[in-house]
Amino acid sequence: MLHLNEIGVELFIKKFKSVTKEAYWENYDLVIWNKDYSGFTNKKGVFRQNVWGIADRISVSNKGTWVLPKKYVKYFK
């Protein structure tokens, strides 16, 4: 897991963007959206850019950092 401050999250958002994936802010939460047509029936489903996808929401911790799961750490290399 990787602990990020606000600048680190902004850097992650810039590096993560592609055709099937996107990261964006929603209030103080980092939302990571992956294109997936099963998002239509999924609880985490989000309709974005005229396509269904599944979104992972990462909230800020009490320490003021966002804890990024290991599967997303590779985008910092």
N, C-alpha and C. Protein backbone atom coordinates (compact mmCIF):
# COMPACT_ATOMS: atom_id res chain seq x y z
N MET A 1 0.84 -1.17 0.00
CA MET A 1 0.00 0.00 0.00
C MET A 1 0.88 1.24 0.00
N LEU A 2 0.36 2.25 -0.61
CA LEU A 2 1.11 3.49 -0.76
C LEU A 2 0.29 4.63 -0.18
N HIS A 3 0.89 5.42 0.67
CA HIS A 3 0.22 6.57 1.29
C HIS A 3 0.57 7.81 0.48
N LEU A 4 -0.46 8.50 -0.03
CA LEU A 4 -0.24 9.66 -0.88
C LEU A 4 -0.82 10.92 -0.26
N ASN A 5 -0.13 12.03 -0.47
CA ASN A 5 -0.71 13.33 -0.11
C ASN A 5 -1.43 13.87 -1.34
N GLU A 6 -1.91 15.08 -1.28
CA GLU A 6 -2.71 15.64 -2.37
C GLU A 6 -1.92 15.75 -3.68
N ILE A 7 -0.66 16.13 -3.58
CA ILE A 7 0.17 16.24 -4.79
C ILE A 7 0.40 14.86 -5.41
N GLY A 8 0.59 13.85 -4.57
CA GLY A 8 0.77 12.49 -5.06
C GLY A 8 -0.47 11.97 -5.77
N VAL A 9 -1.64 12.31 -5.25
CA VAL A 9 -2.89 11.90 -5.89
C VAL A 9 -3.04 12.58 -7.25
N GLU A 10 -2.71 13.85 -7.34
CA GLU A 10 -2.77 14.56 -8.62
C GLU A 10 -1.85 13.91 -9.64
N LEU A 11 -0.65 13.52 -9.23
CA LEU A 11 0.30 12.84 -10.11
C LEU A 11 -0.26 11.49 -10.56
N PHE A 12 -0.87 10.75 -9.64
CA PHE A 12 -1.48 9.47 -9.97
C PHE A 12 -2.59 9.65 -11.00
N ILE A 13 -3.42 10.66 -10.84
CA ILE A 13 -4.53 10.90 -11.77
C ILE A 13 -4.00 11.16 -13.18
N LYS A 14 -2.90 11.91 -13.29
CA LYS A 14 -2.33 12.20 -14.61
C LYS A 14 -1.76 10.95 -15.27
N LYS A 15 -1.10 10.09 -14.50
CA LYS A 15 -0.45 8.91 -15.07
C LYS A 15 -1.42 7.76 -15.32
N PHE A 16 -2.53 7.72 -14.64
CA PHE A 16 -3.43 6.58 -14.70
C PHE A 16 -4.37 6.61 -15.89
N LYS A 17 -4.60 7.75 -16.48
CA LYS A 17 -5.63 7.92 -17.51
C LYS A 17 -5.31 7.13 -18.78
N SER A 18 -6.32 6.40 -19.27
CA SER A 18 -6.25 5.71 -20.55
C SER A 18 -7.66 5.59 -21.11
N VAL A 19 -7.84 4.81 -22.16
CA VAL A 19 -9.16 4.68 -22.79
C VAL A 19 -10.13 3.93 -21.88
N THR A 20 -9.65 2.89 -21.19
CA THR A 20 -10.53 2.05 -20.39
C THR A 20 -10.45 2.33 -18.90
N LYS A 21 -9.61 3.26 -18.49
CA LYS A 21 -9.44 3.57 -17.07
C LYS A 21 -9.36 5.07 -16.87
N GLU A 22 -9.81 5.49 -15.71
CA GLU A 22 -9.72 6.91 -15.39
C GLU A 22 -9.77 7.08 -13.88
N ALA A 23 -9.03 8.04 -13.40
CA ALA A 23 -9.08 8.41 -11.98
C ALA A 23 -9.47 9.88 -11.91
N TYR A 24 -10.29 10.21 -10.93
CA TYR A 24 -10.76 11.59 -10.82
C TYR A 24 -11.16 11.88 -9.37
N TRP A 25 -11.28 13.17 -9.07
CA TRP A 25 -11.71 13.62 -7.75
C TRP A 25 -13.23 13.63 -7.68
N GLU A 26 -13.76 13.25 -6.56
CA GLU A 26 -15.17 13.49 -6.25
C GLU A 26 -15.20 13.94 -4.80
N ASN A 27 -15.35 15.25 -4.61
CA ASN A 27 -15.16 15.90 -3.32
C ASN A 27 -13.75 15.61 -2.83
N TYR A 28 -13.57 14.99 -1.67
CA TYR A 28 -12.23 14.66 -1.20
C TYR A 28 -11.89 13.19 -1.40
N ASP A 29 -12.66 12.48 -2.20
CA ASP A 29 -12.41 11.07 -2.48
C ASP A 29 -11.73 10.93 -3.83
N LEU A 30 -10.81 9.98 -3.91
CA LEU A 30 -10.20 9.60 -5.17
C LEU A 30 -11.04 8.46 -5.72
N VAL A 31 -11.54 8.60 -6.92
CA VAL A 31 -12.35 7.57 -7.56
C VAL A 31 -11.57 7.00 -8.73
N ILE A 32 -11.43 5.68 -8.74
CA ILE A 32 -10.73 4.99 -9.81
C ILE A 32 -11.78 4.19 -10.58
N TRP A 33 -12.00 4.56 -11.85
CA TRP A 33 -13.05 3.98 -12.68
C TRP A 33 -12.43 3.10 -13.75
N ASN A 34 -12.92 1.86 -13.86
CA ASN A 34 -12.48 0.93 -14.90
C ASN A 34 -13.67 0.55 -15.76
N LYS A 35 -13.51 0.63 -17.06
CA LYS A 35 -14.59 0.29 -17.99
C LYS A 35 -14.94 -1.18 -17.84
N ASP A 36 -16.21 -1.45 -17.58
CA ASP A 36 -16.68 -2.82 -17.39
C ASP A 36 -18.20 -2.80 -17.57
N TYR A 37 -18.68 -3.55 -18.54
CA TYR A 37 -20.11 -3.53 -18.84
C TYR A 37 -20.95 -4.15 -17.73
N SER A 38 -20.35 -4.94 -16.86
CA SER A 38 -21.10 -5.50 -15.73
C SER A 38 -21.39 -4.44 -14.67
N GLY A 39 -20.87 -3.25 -14.84
CA GLY A 39 -21.16 -2.16 -13.92
C GLY A 39 -22.63 -1.79 -13.89
N PHE A 40 -23.36 -2.17 -14.92
CA PHE A 40 -24.79 -1.90 -14.99
C PHE A 40 -25.54 -2.57 -13.84
N THR A 41 -25.09 -3.76 -13.44
CA THR A 41 -25.76 -4.51 -12.38
C THR A 41 -24.97 -4.54 -11.08
N ASN A 42 -23.81 -3.92 -11.05
CA ASN A 42 -22.94 -3.94 -9.88
C ASN A 42 -23.26 -2.77 -8.95
N LYS A 43 -23.11 -2.99 -7.63
CA LYS A 43 -23.34 -1.90 -6.67
C LYS A 43 -22.36 -0.75 -6.85
N LYS A 44 -21.15 -1.04 -7.30
CA LYS A 44 -20.14 -0.02 -7.52
C LYS A 44 -20.19 0.54 -8.94
N GLY A 45 -21.21 0.20 -9.69
CA GLY A 45 -21.31 0.63 -11.08
C GLY A 45 -21.52 2.12 -11.22
N VAL A 46 -20.82 2.71 -12.19
CA VAL A 46 -20.90 4.14 -12.48
C VAL A 46 -20.98 4.32 -13.99
N PHE A 47 -21.91 5.16 -14.43
CA PHE A 47 -22.04 5.48 -15.85
C PHE A 47 -21.23 6.73 -16.12
N ARG A 48 -20.17 6.59 -16.91
CA ARG A 48 -19.26 7.71 -17.17
C ARG A 48 -18.83 7.66 -18.63
N GLN A 49 -18.82 8.78 -19.29
CA GLN A 49 -18.42 8.90 -20.69
C GLN A 49 -19.23 7.96 -21.59
N ASN A 50 -20.52 7.86 -21.33
CA ASN A 50 -21.45 7.04 -22.10
C ASN A 50 -21.14 5.55 -22.05
N VAL A 51 -20.44 5.09 -21.02
CA VAL A 51 -20.08 3.69 -20.86
C VAL A 51 -20.21 3.33 -19.38
N TRP A 52 -20.62 2.10 -19.12
CA TRP A 52 -20.67 1.61 -17.74
C TRP A 52 -19.30 1.16 -17.30
N GLY A 53 -19.04 1.32 -16.01
CA GLY A 53 -17.78 0.88 -15.43
C GLY A 53 -17.95 0.66 -13.95
N ILE A 54 -16.89 0.16 -13.33
CA ILE A 54 -16.88 -0.09 -11.89
C ILE A 54 -15.89 0.87 -11.25
N ALA A 55 -16.32 1.53 -10.19
CA ALA A 55 -15.50 2.55 -9.54
C ALA A 55 -15.08 2.09 -8.15
N ASP A 56 -13.80 2.28 -7.85
CA ASP A 56 -13.28 2.09 -6.50
C ASP A 56 -13.09 3.46 -5.89
N ARG A 57 -13.62 3.65 -4.71
CA ARG A 57 -13.55 4.94 -4.02
C ARG A 57 -12.52 4.84 -2.89
N ILE A 58 -11.57 5.77 -2.88
CA ILE A 58 -10.55 5.82 -1.84
C ILE A 58 -10.73 7.14 -1.09
N SER A 59 -11.10 7.04 0.17
CA SER A 59 -11.34 8.23 0.99
C SER A 59 -10.07 8.65 1.72
N VAL A 60 -10.02 9.89 2.08
CA VAL A 60 -8.88 10.41 2.83
C VAL A 60 -8.92 9.85 4.25
N SER A 61 -7.74 9.52 4.79
CA SER A 61 -7.66 8.96 6.14
C SER A 61 -7.61 10.09 7.18
N ASN A 62 -7.60 9.72 8.43
CA ASN A 62 -7.51 10.71 9.51
C ASN A 62 -6.19 11.46 9.50
N LYS A 63 -5.17 10.86 8.90
CA LYS A 63 -3.85 11.50 8.84
C LYS A 63 -3.71 12.45 7.65
N GLY A 64 -4.75 12.54 6.83
CA GLY A 64 -4.70 13.45 5.69
C GLY A 64 -4.06 12.84 4.46
N THR A 65 -4.00 11.52 4.38
CA THR A 65 -3.43 10.84 3.22
C THR A 65 -4.44 9.88 2.62
N TRP A 66 -4.20 9.53 1.39
CA TRP A 66 -5.01 8.53 0.71
C TRP A 66 -4.17 7.27 0.62
N VAL A 67 -4.75 6.13 0.99
CA VAL A 67 -4.03 4.86 0.98
C VAL A 67 -4.37 4.13 -0.31
N LEU A 68 -3.40 4.06 -1.21
CA LEU A 68 -3.58 3.45 -2.51
C LEU A 68 -3.28 1.96 -2.44
N PRO A 69 -4.20 1.08 -2.88
CA PRO A 69 -3.96 -0.37 -2.86
C PRO A 69 -2.77 -0.76 -3.75
N LYS A 70 -2.18 -1.91 -3.47
CA LYS A 70 -0.98 -2.36 -4.18
C LYS A 70 -1.19 -2.50 -5.68
N LYS A 71 -2.39 -2.87 -6.12
CA LYS A 71 -2.59 -3.09 -7.56
C LYS A 71 -2.47 -1.81 -8.38
N TYR A 72 -2.50 -0.64 -7.74
CA TYR A 72 -2.36 0.62 -8.45
C TYR A 72 -0.98 1.26 -8.28
N VAL A 73 -0.12 0.67 -7.47
CA VAL A 73 1.20 1.25 -7.21
C VAL A 73 2.07 1.22 -8.46
N LYS A 74 1.84 0.27 -9.36
CA LYS A 74 2.66 0.15 -10.56
C LYS A 74 2.62 1.38 -11.46
N TYR A 75 1.64 2.23 -11.31
CA TYR A 75 1.53 3.43 -12.15
C TYR A 75 2.48 4.53 -11.73
N PHE A 76 3.24 4.32 -10.66
CA PHE A 76 4.22 5.30 -10.21
C PHE A 76 5.62 4.97 -10.69
N LYS A 77 5.82 3.86 -11.37
CA LYS A 77 7.17 3.45 -11.82
C LYS A 77 7.48 4.00 -13.18
